[in-house]
Amino acid sequence: MYSINRYVDLSIIIILIIIFFFCNLFYGSISIPISAVIDILLGKEVEYPAWTNIILQSRFPQAITALLAGSALAVVGLMLQTLFRNSLVGPDILGISNGANLGVAIVLLYYNKIGSNFSLKFDLSTVIAAFIGALGILILILYFSVKVKDNIMILIIGIMISYLASSGISILNSFASSESIRSYVFWGLGSFSDISVSELPFFSISILIGLSTTIFLIKSLNALLLGEHYAANLGINIKKIRVLILLITGFLIAIVTAFCGPISFIGLIVPHIARIVLKKSNLQLLLPTTIFLGSAMALLCNLMTIIPFNRNLLPLNAVMPLLGAPIIIYIIWNKKIHIP
């Protein structure tokens, strides 16, 4: 009965994902009848051809991006919290997101110096710069993870590297033009809408590869829940597993941040919600539950960026704290916060 109830919970989450996904297709800044959206999805012609372009070229890629990015950030948060045995660890704690920010800031300053009037939004150089910056920080973290045995020390080193990246961003922004700074700030607010149809396959395949590799780490992550000494007695190579976890999480953070900007809160709060729902920390069910909950959370937040009545758009990272912060406060207030 216990196992059946857990799969019922998982089924409910999947149903919520389907509902939120179609709500993202039906509802947007431009009003399109639901019947027209269904006709477009079925390949039929509609009254206004622009509607077809909005659904297939904008809303559908945006919904897919939110679904995949949410799942990636959620599973990253779960793996890092398990590795460091700290439930307050999130994807941005190791500085990888700030590395992506630094890469974009460098590109901003570079283009500003040569006098280009480009916009960061929808520019491929932004994605490349963010990805290189994130991977650069990841390489540093991996290097220290091989040299340092203590996970807490690695966490502290990651925080210090994050501070260094933030300092570099501040210095670079002081030399940039006001227009470039506005573009950089806009990118930093996060968005699921910047991925085009042509970029979606690369993004989707990259995220799915990263998520699929986490399945092979379930046994090792479960062992780490009981402590490193216990895991080592079970034959787990702690150093190897640590490097693998950092490599996978760093890769997923780099991909999501490069294409969507720095997205906050999902990686921090979703693992907590998953543990509350399951009332258990076994990753055989906790991992897929976290993945699906991350997708549902991202799709819901994407819907919340659309202001009712006037249908103007809010920045994604303005919406995330509105949903995420009360959840964290509720979890702490009710003493449901969980440290493995």
C-alpha atoms as a PDB file:
ATOM      1  CA  MET A   1       0.000   0.000   0.000  1.00  0.00           C
ATOM      2  CA  TYR A   2       2.874   2.365   0.861  1.00  0.00           C
ATOM      3  CA  SER A   3       4.478   1.873  -2.545  1.00  0.00           C
ATOM      4  CA  ILE A   4       1.138   2.254  -4.332  1.00  0.00           C
ATOM      5  CA  ASN A   5       0.516   5.595  -2.619  1.00  0.00           C
ATOM      6  CA  ARG A   6       3.893   6.875  -3.766  1.00  0.00           C
ATOM      7  CA  TYR A   7       3.137   6.028  -7.383  1.00  0.00           C
ATOM      8  CA  VAL A   8      -0.258   7.683  -7.022  1.00  0.00           C
ATOM      9  CA  ASP A   9       1.546  10.864  -5.921  1.00  0.00           C
ATOM     10  CA  LEU A  10       3.834  10.588  -8.939  1.00  0.00           C
ATOM     11  CA  SER A  11       0.834  10.136 -11.253  1.00  0.00           C
ATOM     12  CA  ILE A  12      -0.823  13.273  -9.833  1.00  0.00           C
ATOM     13  CA  ILE A  13       2.350  15.274 -10.476  1.00  0.00           C
ATOM     14  CA  ILE A  14       2.475  14.027 -14.073  1.00  0.00           C
ATOM     15  CA  ILE A  15      -1.159  15.055 -14.559  1.00  0.00           C
ATOM     16  CA  LEU A  16      -0.302  18.523 -13.203  1.00  0.00           C
ATOM     17  CA  ILE A  17       2.579  18.759 -15.691  1.00  0.00           C
ATOM     18  CA  ILE A  18       0.205  17.977 -18.569  1.00  0.00           C
ATOM     19  CA  ILE A  19      -2.314  20.565 -17.340  1.00  0.00           C
ATOM     20  CA  PHE A  20       0.322  23.269 -16.850  1.00  0.00           C
ATOM     21  CA  PHE A  21       1.919  22.451 -20.211  1.00  0.00           C
ATOM     22  CA  PHE A  22      -1.313  22.977 -22.128  1.00  0.00           C
ATOM     23  CA  CYS A  23      -2.134  26.062 -20.065  1.00  0.00           C
ATOM     24  CA  ASN A  24       1.178  27.490 -21.301  1.00  0.00           C
ATOM     25  CA  LEU A  25      -0.021  26.869 -24.857  1.00  0.00           C
ATOM     26  CA  PHE A  26      -3.527  28.238 -24.315  1.00  0.00           C
ATOM     27  CA  TYR A  27      -2.655  31.311 -22.255  1.00  0.00           C
ATOM     28  CA  GLY A  28      -0.248  34.075 -23.188  1.00  0.00           C
ATOM     29  CA  SER A  29       0.251  37.785 -23.690  1.00  0.00           C
ATOM     30  CA  ILE A  30      -1.853  37.556 -26.866  1.00  0.00           C
ATOM     31  CA  SER A  31      -5.357  36.117 -26.575  1.00  0.00           C
ATOM     32  CA  ILE A  32      -5.904  33.095 -28.836  1.00  0.00           C
ATOM     33  CA  PRO A  33      -9.078  30.956 -28.621  1.00  0.00           C
ATOM     34  CA  ILE A  34      -8.528  27.477 -27.183  1.00  0.00           C
ATOM     35  CA  SER A  35     -10.261  25.936 -30.199  1.00  0.00           C
ATOM     36  CA  ALA A  36      -7.749  27.689 -32.482  1.00  0.00           C
ATOM     37  CA  VAL A  37      -4.818  26.421 -30.408  1.00  0.00           C
ATOM     38  CA  ILE A  38      -6.136  22.863 -30.668  1.00  0.00           C
ATOM     39  CA  ASP A  39      -6.574  23.233 -34.433  1.00  0.00           C
ATOM     40  CA  ILE A  40      -2.992  24.501 -34.742  1.00  0.00           C
ATOM     41  CA  LEU A  41      -1.665  21.545 -32.747  1.00  0.00           C
ATOM     42  CA  LEU A  42      -3.628  19.201 -35.012  1.00  0.00           C
ATOM     43  CA  GLY A  43      -2.091  20.823 -38.103  1.00  0.00           C
ATOM     44  CA  LYS A  44      -5.250  22.598 -39.263  1.00  0.00           C
ATOM     45  CA  GLU A  45      -5.475  26.102 -40.678  1.00  0.00           C
ATOM     46  CA  VAL A  46      -6.851  28.880 -38.475  1.00  0.00           C
ATOM     47  CA  GLU A  47      -8.352  32.302 -39.055  1.00  0.00           C
ATOM     48  CA  TYR A  48      -5.141  34.224 -38.487  1.00  0.00           C
ATOM     49  CA  PRO A  49      -1.820  32.713 -39.680  1.00  0.00           C
ATOM     50  CA  ALA A  50       0.010  34.750 -37.017  1.00  0.00           C
ATOM     51  CA  TRP A  51      -1.618  32.552 -34.375  1.00  0.00           C
ATOM     52  CA  THR A  52       0.106  29.498 -35.829  1.00  0.00           C
ATOM     53  CA  ASN A  53       3.453  31.248 -35.630  1.00  0.00           C
ATOM     54  CA  ILE A  54       2.840  32.308 -32.002  1.00  0.00           C
ATOM     55  CA  ILE A  55       1.902  28.787 -30.884  1.00  0.00           C
ATOM     56  CA  LEU A  56       4.508  26.775 -32.808  1.00  0.00           C
ATOM     57  CA  GLN A  57       7.390  29.250 -32.805  1.00  0.00           C
ATOM     58  CA  SER A  58       6.959  30.821 -29.363  1.00  0.00           C
ATOM     59  CA  ARG A  59       4.662  29.153 -26.851  1.00  0.00           C
ATOM     60  CA  PHE A  60       5.482  25.519 -27.661  1.00  0.00           C
ATOM     61  CA  PRO A  61       9.297  25.939 -27.479  1.00  0.00           C
ATOM     62  CA  GLN A  62       8.837  28.033 -24.335  1.00  0.00           C
ATOM     63  CA  ALA A  63       6.761  25.316 -22.648  1.00  0.00           C
ATOM     64  CA  ILE A  64       9.273  22.597 -23.609  1.00  0.00           C
ATOM     65  CA  THR A  65      12.127  24.766 -22.340  1.00  0.00           C
ATOM     66  CA  ALA A  66      10.387  25.358 -19.003  1.00  0.00           C
ATOM     67  CA  LEU A  67       9.625  21.650 -18.627  1.00  0.00           C
ATOM     68  CA  LEU A  68      13.218  20.561 -19.251  1.00  0.00           C
ATOM     69  CA  ALA A  69      14.960  23.436 -17.458  1.00  0.00           C
ATOM     70  CA  GLY A  70      12.818  22.951 -14.355  1.00  0.00           C
ATOM     71  CA  SER A  71      13.579  19.244 -14.208  1.00  0.00           C
ATOM     72  CA  ALA A  72      17.311  19.858 -14.676  1.00  0.00           C
ATOM     73  CA  LEU A  73      17.559  22.512 -11.948  1.00  0.00           C
ATOM     74  CA  ALA A  74      15.503  20.415  -9.535  1.00  0.00           C
ATOM     75  CA  VAL A  75      17.639  17.303  -9.943  1.00  0.00           C
ATOM     76  CA  VAL A  76      20.799  19.410  -9.623  1.00  0.00           C
ATOM     77  CA  GLY A  77      19.535  20.732  -6.299  1.00  0.00           C
ATOM     78  CA  LEU A  78      18.719  17.221  -5.082  1.00  0.00           C
ATOM     79  CA  MET A  79      22.135  15.829  -6.027  1.00  0.00           C
ATOM     80  CA  LEU A  80      24.054  18.718  -4.468  1.00  0.00           C
ATOM     81  CA  GLN A  81      22.011  18.583  -1.260  1.00  0.00           C
ATOM     82  CA  THR A  82      22.701  14.854  -1.045  1.00  0.00           C
ATOM     83  CA  LEU A  83      26.409  15.216  -1.795  1.00  0.00           C
ATOM     84  CA  PHE A  84      27.010  18.009   0.719  1.00  0.00           C
ATOM     85  CA  ARG A  85      24.413  16.712   3.199  1.00  0.00           C
ATOM     86  CA  ASN A  86      23.001  20.217   3.433  1.00  0.00           C
ATOM     87  CA  SER A  87      19.415  20.990   2.487  1.00  0.00           C
ATOM     88  CA  LEU A  88      20.166  24.691   1.923  1.00  0.00           C
ATOM     89  CA  VAL A  89      22.512  24.036  -0.987  1.00  0.00           C
ATOM     90  CA  GLY A  90      21.209  25.124  -4.400  1.00  0.00           C
ATOM     91  CA  PRO A  91      22.514  25.089  -7.984  1.00  0.00           C
ATOM     92  CA  ASP A  92      24.012  28.567  -7.678  1.00  0.00           C
ATOM     93  CA  ILE A  93      25.992  27.824  -4.506  1.00  0.00           C
ATOM     94  CA  LEU A  94      29.110  26.544  -6.323  1.00  0.00           C
ATOM     95  CA  GLY A  95      29.455  29.652  -8.473  1.00  0.00           C
ATOM     96  CA  ILE A  96      28.689  27.922 -11.771  1.00  0.00           C
ATOM     97  CA  SER A  97      25.758  30.255 -12.457  1.00  0.00           C
ATOM     98  CA  ASN A  98      27.978  33.228 -11.649  1.00  0.00           C
ATOM     99  CA  GLY A  99      30.541  31.816 -14.066  1.00  0.00           C
ATOM    100  CA  ALA A 100      27.908  32.005 -16.791  1.00  0.00           C
ATOM    101  CA  ASN A 101      27.096  35.556 -15.708  1.00  0.00           C
ATOM    102  CA  LEU A 102      30.787  36.455 -15.908  1.00  0.00           C
ATOM    103  CA  GLY A 103      31.015  35.044 -19.438  1.00  0.00           C
ATOM    104  CA  VAL A 104      28.109  37.198 -20.561  1.00  0.00           C
ATOM    105  CA  ALA A 105      29.582  40.253 -18.826  1.00  0.00           C
ATOM    106  CA  ILE A 106      32.860  39.743 -20.716  1.00  0.00           C
ATOM    107  CA  VAL A 107      31.022  39.557 -24.022  1.00  0.00           C
ATOM    108  CA  LEU A 108      29.068  42.672 -23.089  1.00  0.00           C
ATOM    109  CA  LEU A 109      32.258  44.626 -22.419  1.00  0.00           C
ATOM    110  CA  TYR A 110      33.959  43.257 -25.540  1.00  0.00           C
ATOM    111  CA  TYR A 111      31.168  44.315 -27.858  1.00  0.00           C
ATOM    112  CA  ASN A 112      30.897  47.622 -26.066  1.00  0.00           C
ATOM    113  CA  LYS A 113      34.593  48.346 -26.808  1.00  0.00           C
ATOM    114  CA  ILE A 114      34.326  47.637 -30.527  1.00  0.00           C
ATOM    115  CA  GLY A 115      31.251  49.859 -30.751  1.00  0.00           C
ATOM    116  CA  SER A 116      28.749  47.205 -31.779  1.00  0.00           C
ATOM    117  CA  ASN A 117      25.066  48.000 -31.284  1.00  0.00           C
ATOM    118  CA  PHE A 118      24.101  44.401 -30.767  1.00  0.00           C
ATOM    119  CA  SER A 119      21.548  43.213 -28.239  1.00  0.00           C
ATOM    120  CA  LEU A 120      22.368  40.336 -25.939  1.00  0.00           C
ATOM    121  CA  LYS A 121      18.879  38.931 -26.324  1.00  0.00           C
ATOM    122  CA  PHE A 122      18.672  36.162 -28.935  1.00  0.00           C
ATOM    123  CA  ASP A 123      22.396  36.495 -29.705  1.00  0.00           C
ATOM    124  CA  LEU A 124      24.333  33.241 -30.057  1.00  0.00           C
ATOM    125  CA  SER A 125      27.418  34.835 -28.525  1.00  0.00           C
ATOM    126  CA  THR A 126      25.499  35.154 -25.254  1.00  0.00           C
ATOM    127  CA  VAL A 127      24.848  31.429 -25.117  1.00  0.00           C
ATOM    128  CA  ILE A 128      28.446  30.548 -25.992  1.00  0.00           C
ATOM    129  CA  ALA A 129      29.869  33.016 -23.461  1.00  0.00           C
ATOM    130  CA  ALA A 130      27.588  31.808 -20.687  1.00  0.00           C
ATOM    131  CA  PHE A 131      28.401  28.183 -21.412  1.00  0.00           C
ATOM    132  CA  ILE A 132      32.172  28.788 -21.480  1.00  0.00           C
ATOM    133  CA  GLY A 133      32.000  30.811 -18.264  1.00  0.00           C
ATOM    134  CA  ALA A 134      29.998  28.111 -16.473  1.00  0.00           C
ATOM    135  CA  LEU A 135      32.312  25.351 -17.664  1.00  0.00           C
ATOM    136  CA  GLY A 136      35.358  27.383 -16.613  1.00  0.00           C
ATOM    137  CA  ILE A 137      34.090  27.543 -13.036  1.00  0.00           C
ATOM    138  CA  LEU A 138      33.125  23.861 -13.207  1.00  0.00           C
ATOM    139  CA  ILE A 139      36.688  22.902 -14.188  1.00  0.00           C
ATOM    140  CA  LEU A 140      38.007  24.822 -11.175  1.00  0.00           C
ATOM    141  CA  ILE A 141      35.528  23.067  -8.869  1.00  0.00           C
ATOM    142  CA  LEU A 142      36.455  19.676 -10.315  1.00  0.00           C
ATOM    143  CA  TYR A 143      40.151  20.421  -9.847  1.00  0.00           C
ATOM    144  CA  PHE A 144      39.671  21.264  -6.173  1.00  0.00           C
ATOM    145  CA  SER A 145      37.351  18.276  -5.691  1.00  0.00           C
ATOM    146  CA  VAL A 146      40.226  15.980  -6.660  1.00  0.00           C
ATOM    147  CA  LYS A 147      42.691  17.732  -4.352  1.00  0.00           C
ATOM    148  CA  VAL A 148      40.382  18.264  -1.361  1.00  0.00           C
ATOM    149  CA  LYS A 149      38.727  15.356   0.426  1.00  0.00           C
ATOM    150  CA  ASP A 150      36.257  17.242   2.607  1.00  0.00           C
ATOM    151  CA  ASN A 151      32.924  18.101   0.954  1.00  0.00           C
ATOM    152  CA  ILE A 152      32.402  21.093   3.243  1.00  0.00           C
ATOM    153  CA  MET A 153      35.728  22.552   2.165  1.00  0.00           C
ATOM    154  CA  ILE A 154      34.725  22.119  -1.498  1.00  0.00           C
ATOM    155  CA  LEU A 155      31.473  23.922  -0.724  1.00  0.00           C
ATOM    156  CA  ILE A 156      33.377  26.805   0.866  1.00  0.00           C
ATOM    157  CA  ILE A 157      35.784  26.969  -2.085  1.00  0.00           C
ATOM    158  CA  GLY A 158      32.788  27.069  -4.440  1.00  0.00           C
ATOM    159  CA  ILE A 159      31.290  29.972  -2.504  1.00  0.00           C
ATOM    160  CA  MET A 160      34.593  31.859  -2.639  1.00  0.00           C
ATOM    161  CA  ILE A 161      34.855  31.279  -6.400  1.00  0.00           C
ATOM    162  CA  SER A 162      31.299  32.576  -6.705  1.00  0.00           C
ATOM    163  CA  TYR A 163      32.323  35.750  -4.877  1.00  0.00           C
ATOM    164  CA  LEU A 164      35.301  36.176  -7.208  1.00  0.00           C
ATOM    165  CA  ALA A 165      33.063  35.809 -10.267  1.00  0.00           C
ATOM    166  CA  SER A 166      30.614  38.350  -8.813  1.00  0.00           C
ATOM    167  CA  SER A 167      33.473  40.753  -8.215  1.00  0.00           C
ATOM    168  CA  GLY A 168      34.619  40.334 -11.802  1.00  0.00           C
ATOM    169  CA  ILE A 169      31.101  41.059 -13.036  1.00  0.00           C
ATOM    170  CA  SER A 170      30.941  44.253 -10.974  1.00  0.00           C
ATOM    171  CA  ILE A 171      34.290  45.430 -12.350  1.00  0.00           C
ATOM    172  CA  LEU A 172      33.310  44.692 -15.942  1.00  0.00           C
ATOM    173  CA  ASN A 173      29.949  46.416 -15.587  1.00  0.00           C
ATOM    174  CA  SER A 174      31.677  49.550 -14.342  1.00  0.00           C
ATOM    175  CA  PHE A 175      33.295  49.880 -17.796  1.00  0.00           C
ATOM    176  CA  ALA A 176      30.165  49.087 -19.821  1.00  0.00           C
ATOM    177  CA  SER A 177      27.694  51.512 -21.303  1.00  0.00           C
ATOM    178  CA  SER A 178      24.307  52.041 -19.693  1.00  0.00           C
ATOM    179  CA  GLU A 179      22.612  50.372 -22.669  1.00  0.00           C
ATOM    180  CA  SER A 180      24.788  47.281 -22.345  1.00  0.00           C
ATOM    181  CA  ILE A 181      24.183  47.142 -18.605  1.00  0.00           C
ATOM    182  CA  ARG A 182      20.418  47.241 -19.207  1.00  0.00           C
ATOM    183  CA  SER A 183      20.725  44.355 -21.660  1.00  0.00           C
ATOM    184  CA  TYR A 184      22.831  42.392 -19.180  1.00  0.00           C
ATOM    185  CA  VAL A 185      20.367  43.018 -16.346  1.00  0.00           C
ATOM    186  CA  PHE A 186      17.499  41.926 -18.592  1.00  0.00           C
ATOM    187  CA  TRP A 187      19.323  38.666 -19.393  1.00  0.00           C
ATOM    188  CA  GLY A 188      19.964  38.147 -15.685  1.00  0.00           C
ATOM    189  CA  LEU A 189      16.227  38.222 -14.953  1.00  0.00           C
ATOM    190  CA  GLY A 190      15.881  34.829 -16.640  1.00  0.00           C
ATOM    191  CA  SER A 191      13.470  33.674 -19.310  1.00  0.00           C
ATOM    192  CA  PHE A 192      12.236  30.456 -20.903  1.00  0.00           C
ATOM    193  CA  SER A 193      11.332  32.286 -24.110  1.00  0.00           C
ATOM    194  CA  ASP A 194      14.768  32.928 -25.617  1.00  0.00           C
ATOM    195  CA  ILE A 195      15.240  29.483 -27.177  1.00  0.00           C
ATOM    196  CA  SER A 196      14.250  29.301 -30.824  1.00  0.00           C
ATOM    197  CA  VAL A 197      12.852  26.251 -32.581  1.00  0.00           C
ATOM    198  CA  SER A 198      16.236  25.637 -34.227  1.00  0.00           C
ATOM    199  CA  GLU A 199      18.040  25.720 -30.856  1.00  0.00           C
ATOM    200  CA  LEU A 200      15.465  23.563 -29.056  1.00  0.00           C
ATOM    201  CA  PRO A 201      16.778  20.139 -30.227  1.00  0.00           C
ATOM    202  CA  PHE A 202      20.302  20.835 -28.916  1.00  0.00           C
ATOM    203  CA  PHE A 203      18.948  22.135 -25.614  1.00  0.00           C
ATOM    204  CA  SER A 204      16.528  19.217 -25.212  1.00  0.00           C
ATOM    205  CA  ILE A 205      19.052  16.498 -26.072  1.00  0.00           C
ATOM    206  CA  SER A 206      21.664  18.017 -23.743  1.00  0.00           C
ATOM    207  CA  ILE A 207      19.235  18.158 -20.815  1.00  0.00           C
ATOM    208  CA  LEU A 208      17.921  14.635 -21.444  1.00  0.00           C
ATOM    209  CA  ILE A 209      21.463  13.229 -21.576  1.00  0.00           C
ATOM    210  CA  GLY A 210      22.304  14.947 -18.299  1.00  0.00           C
ATOM    211  CA  LEU A 211      19.114  13.699 -16.630  1.00  0.00           C
ATOM    212  CA  SER A 212      19.548  10.130 -17.877  1.00  0.00           C
ATOM    213  CA  THR A 213      23.042   9.888 -16.395  1.00  0.00           C
ATOM    214  CA  THR A 214      21.666  10.640 -12.935  1.00  0.00           C
ATOM    215  CA  ILE A 215      19.836   7.293 -12.982  1.00  0.00           C
ATOM    216  CA  PHE A 216      23.168   5.473 -12.735  1.00  0.00           C
ATOM    217  CA  LEU A 217      24.042   7.414  -9.573  1.00  0.00           C
ATOM    218  CA  ILE A 218      20.954   6.449  -7.545  1.00  0.00           C
ATOM    219  CA  LYS A 219      22.686   3.633  -5.661  1.00  0.00           C
ATOM    220  CA  SER A 220      25.689   5.790  -4.813  1.00  0.00           C
ATOM    221  CA  LEU A 221      23.520   8.747  -3.759  1.00  0.00           C
ATOM    222  CA  ASN A 222      21.480   6.503  -1.471  1.00  0.00           C
ATOM    223  CA  ALA A 223      24.714   5.303   0.120  1.00  0.00           C
ATOM    224  CA  LEU A 224      25.894   8.895   0.612  1.00  0.00           C
ATOM    225  CA  LEU A 225      22.710   9.608   2.569  1.00  0.00           C
ATOM    226  CA  LEU A 226      24.079   7.333   5.282  1.00  0.00           C
ATOM    227  CA  GLY A 227      27.463   9.044   5.366  1.00  0.00           C
ATOM    228  CA  GLU A 228      30.710   8.851   3.432  1.00  0.00           C
ATOM    229  CA  HIS A 229      32.259   6.216   5.710  1.00  0.00           C
ATOM    230  CA  TYR A 230      29.256   3.929   5.271  1.00  0.00           C
ATOM    231  CA  ALA A 231      29.314   4.495   1.508  1.00  0.00           C
ATOM    232  CA  ALA A 232      33.029   3.715   1.382  1.00  0.00           C
ATOM    233  CA  ASN A 233      32.422   0.466   3.296  1.00  0.00           C
ATOM    234  CA  LEU A 234      29.901  -0.478   0.613  1.00  0.00           C
ATOM    235  CA  GLY A 235      32.620  -0.146  -2.011  1.00  0.00           C
ATOM    236  CA  ILE A 236      31.629   3.315  -3.267  1.00  0.00           C
ATOM    237  CA  ASN A 237      34.533   5.337  -4.639  1.00  0.00           C
ATOM    238  CA  ILE A 238      33.768   8.647  -2.913  1.00  0.00           C
ATOM    239  CA  LYS A 239      36.193  10.758  -4.950  1.00  0.00           C
ATOM    240  CA  LYS A 240      34.947   9.339  -8.255  1.00  0.00           C
ATOM    241  CA  ILE A 241      31.273   9.790  -7.341  1.00  0.00           C
ATOM    242  CA  ARG A 242      31.923  13.340  -6.170  1.00  0.00           C
ATOM    243  CA  VAL A 243      33.562  14.236  -9.489  1.00  0.00           C
ATOM    244  CA  LEU A 244      30.727  12.602 -11.450  1.00  0.00           C
ATOM    245  CA  ILE A 245      28.066  14.472  -9.474  1.00  0.00           C
ATOM    246  CA  LEU A 246      29.853  17.796  -9.903  1.00  0.00           C
ATOM    247  CA  LEU A 247      30.387  17.124 -13.608  1.00  0.00           C
ATOM    248  CA  ILE A 248      26.734  16.261 -14.268  1.00  0.00           C
ATOM    249  CA  THR A 249      25.323  19.069 -12.150  1.00  0.00           C
ATOM    250  CA  GLY A 250      27.770  21.573 -13.617  1.00  0.00           C
ATOM    251  CA  PHE A 251      26.872  20.524 -17.145  1.00  0.00           C
ATOM    252  CA  LEU A 252      23.125  20.886 -16.484  1.00  0.00           C
ATOM    253  CA  ILE A 253      23.561  24.268 -14.777  1.00  0.00           C
ATOM    254  CA  ALA A 254      25.735  25.492 -17.644  1.00  0.00           C
ATOM    255  CA  ILE A 255      23.193  24.481 -20.294  1.00  0.00           C
ATOM    256  CA  VAL A 256      20.193  25.958 -18.466  1.00  0.00           C
ATOM    257  CA  THR A 257      21.958  29.189 -17.500  1.00  0.00           C
ATOM    258  CA  ALA A 258      23.425  29.683 -20.969  1.00  0.00           C
ATOM    259  CA  PHE A 259      20.038  29.441 -22.677  1.00  0.00           C
ATOM    260  CA  CYS A 260      17.659  30.735 -19.986  1.00  0.00           C
ATOM    261  CA  GLY A 261      19.758  32.975 -17.774  1.00  0.00           C
ATOM    262  CA  PRO A 262      20.256  32.398 -14.031  1.00  0.00           C
ATOM    263  CA  ILE A 263      17.040  30.805 -12.731  1.00  0.00           C
ATOM    264  CA  SER A 264      16.579  30.970  -8.962  1.00  0.00           C
ATOM    265  CA  PHE A 265      14.771  28.925  -6.310  1.00  0.00           C
ATOM    266  CA  ILE A 266      13.722  25.820  -8.305  1.00  0.00           C
ATOM    267  CA  GLY A 267      16.832  23.840  -7.425  1.00  0.00           C
ATOM    268  CA  LEU A 268      16.540  24.842  -3.778  1.00  0.00           C
ATOM    269  CA  ILE A 269      12.857  24.286  -2.998  1.00  0.00           C
ATOM    270  CA  VAL A 270      11.743  21.421  -5.263  1.00  0.00           C
ATOM    271  CA  PRO A 271      13.786  18.686  -3.481  1.00  0.00           C
ATOM    272  CA  HIS A 272      12.185  19.789  -0.195  1.00  0.00           C
ATOM    273  CA  ILE A 273       8.692  19.581  -1.673  1.00  0.00           C
ATOM    274  CA  ALA A 274       9.482  16.137  -3.100  1.00  0.00           C
ATOM    275  CA  ARG A 275      10.628  14.871   0.315  1.00  0.00           C
ATOM    276  CA  ILE A 276       7.483  16.244   1.957  1.00  0.00           C
ATOM    277  CA  VAL A 277       5.281  14.571  -0.664  1.00  0.00           C
ATOM    278  CA  LEU A 278       7.049  11.199  -0.403  1.00  0.00           C
ATOM    279  CA  LYS A 279       7.950  11.391   3.307  1.00  0.00           C
ATOM    280  CA  LYS A 280      11.064   9.426   2.395  1.00  0.00           C
ATOM    281  CA  SER A 281      14.585  10.055   1.073  1.00  0.00           C
ATOM    282  CA  ASN A 282      15.087   6.936  -1.040  1.00  0.00           C
ATOM    283  CA  LEU A 283      16.282   8.283  -4.370  1.00  0.00           C
ATOM    284  CA  GLN A 284      14.760   5.454  -6.390  1.00  0.00           C
ATOM    285  CA  LEU A 285      11.457   7.318  -6.151  1.00  0.00           C
ATOM    286  CA  LEU A 286      12.678  10.697  -4.889  1.00  0.00           C
ATOM    287  CA  LEU A 287      14.757  11.338  -8.021  1.00  0.00           C
ATOM    288  CA  PRO A 288      11.928  10.944 -10.590  1.00  0.00           C
ATOM    289  CA  THR A 289       9.524  12.787  -8.276  1.00  0.00           C
ATOM    290  CA  THR A 290      11.971  15.690  -8.032  1.00  0.00           C
ATOM    291  CA  ILE A 291      12.409  15.748 -11.814  1.00  0.00           C
ATOM    292  CA  PHE A 292       8.661  15.874 -12.455  1.00  0.00           C
ATOM    293  CA  LEU A 293       8.024  18.398  -9.679  1.00  0.00           C
ATOM    294  CA  GLY A 294      10.741  20.632 -11.134  1.00  0.00           C
ATOM    295  CA  SER A 295       8.983  20.567 -14.498  1.00  0.00           C
ATOM    296  CA  ALA A 296       5.618  21.363 -12.910  1.00  0.00           C
ATOM    297  CA  MET A 297       7.105  24.220 -10.871  1.00  0.00           C
ATOM    298  CA  ALA A 298       8.819  25.792 -13.891  1.00  0.00           C
ATOM    299  CA  LEU A 299       5.669  25.562 -16.033  1.00  0.00           C
ATOM    300  CA  LEU A 300       3.614  27.121 -13.239  1.00  0.00           C
ATOM    301  CA  CYS A 301       6.117  29.961 -12.755  1.00  0.00           C
ATOM    302  CA  ASN A 302       6.143  30.601 -16.495  1.00  0.00           C
ATOM    303  CA  LEU A 303       2.342  30.987 -16.369  1.00  0.00           C
ATOM    304  CA  MET A 304       2.651  33.374 -13.434  1.00  0.00           C
ATOM    305  CA  THR A 305       4.837  35.736 -15.496  1.00  0.00           C
ATOM    306  CA  ILE A 306       1.709  36.723 -17.434  1.00  0.00           C
ATOM    307  CA  ILE A 307      -0.186  39.456 -15.601  1.00  0.00           C
ATOM    308  CA  PRO A 308      -3.965  38.897 -15.675  1.00  0.00           C
ATOM    309  CA  PHE A 309      -6.225  41.459 -17.368  1.00  0.00           C
ATOM    310  CA  ASN A 310      -3.577  43.482 -19.248  1.00  0.00           C
ATOM    311  CA  ARG A 311      -1.436  40.393 -20.063  1.00  0.00           C
ATOM    312  CA  ASN A 312       1.885  42.173 -19.683  1.00  0.00           C
ATOM    313  CA  LEU A 313       4.899  39.992 -18.847  1.00  0.00           C
ATOM    314  CA  LEU A 314       6.822  39.897 -15.583  1.00  0.00           C
ATOM    315  CA  PRO A 315      10.497  38.815 -15.379  1.00  0.00           C
ATOM    316  CA  LEU A 316      10.834  35.142 -14.468  1.00  0.00           C
ATOM    317  CA  ASN A 317      13.167  35.791 -11.545  1.00  0.00           C
ATOM    318  CA  ALA A 318      10.669  38.302 -10.170  1.00  0.00           C
ATOM    319  CA  VAL A 319       8.046  35.558 -10.031  1.00  0.00           C
ATOM    320  CA  MET A 320      10.245  32.764  -8.646  1.00  0.00           C
ATOM    321  CA  PRO A 321      10.755  34.347  -5.179  1.00  0.00           C
ATOM    322  CA  LEU A 322       7.016  35.085  -4.919  1.00  0.00           C
ATOM    323  CA  LEU A 323       6.383  31.348  -5.073  1.00  0.00           C
ATOM    324  CA  GLY A 324       9.643  29.992  -3.688  1.00  0.00           C
ATOM    325  CA  ALA A 325      10.254  32.176  -0.629  1.00  0.00           C
ATOM    326  CA  PRO A 326       6.881  31.466   1.069  1.00  0.00           C
ATOM    327  CA  ILE A 327       7.417  27.739   0.503  1.00  0.00           C
ATOM    328  CA  ILE A 328      10.841  27.830   2.168  1.00  0.00           C
ATOM    329  CA  ILE A 329       9.436  29.893   5.074  1.00  0.00           C
ATOM    330  CA  TYR A 330       6.575  27.395   5.461  1.00  0.00           C
ATOM    331  CA  ILE A 331       8.983  24.448   5.453  1.00  0.00           C
ATOM    332  CA  ILE A 332      11.240  26.060   8.084  1.00  0.00           C
ATOM    333  CA  TRP A 333       8.305  27.254  10.206  1.00  0.00           C
ATOM    334  CA  ASN A 334       6.816  23.766  10.307  1.00  0.00           C
ATOM    335  CA  LYS A 335      10.254  22.214  10.884  1.00  0.00           C
ATOM    336  CA  LYS A 336       9.937  20.117   7.749  1.00  0.00           C
ATOM    337  CA  ILE A 337      13.333  21.122   6.450  1.00  0.00           C
ATOM    338  CA  HIS A 338      15.357  17.994   5.876  1.00  0.00           C
ATOM    339  CA  ILE A 339      19.097  17.504   6.210  1.00  0.00           C
ATOM    340  CA  PRO A 340      20.146  14.052   4.913  1.00  0.00           C
END
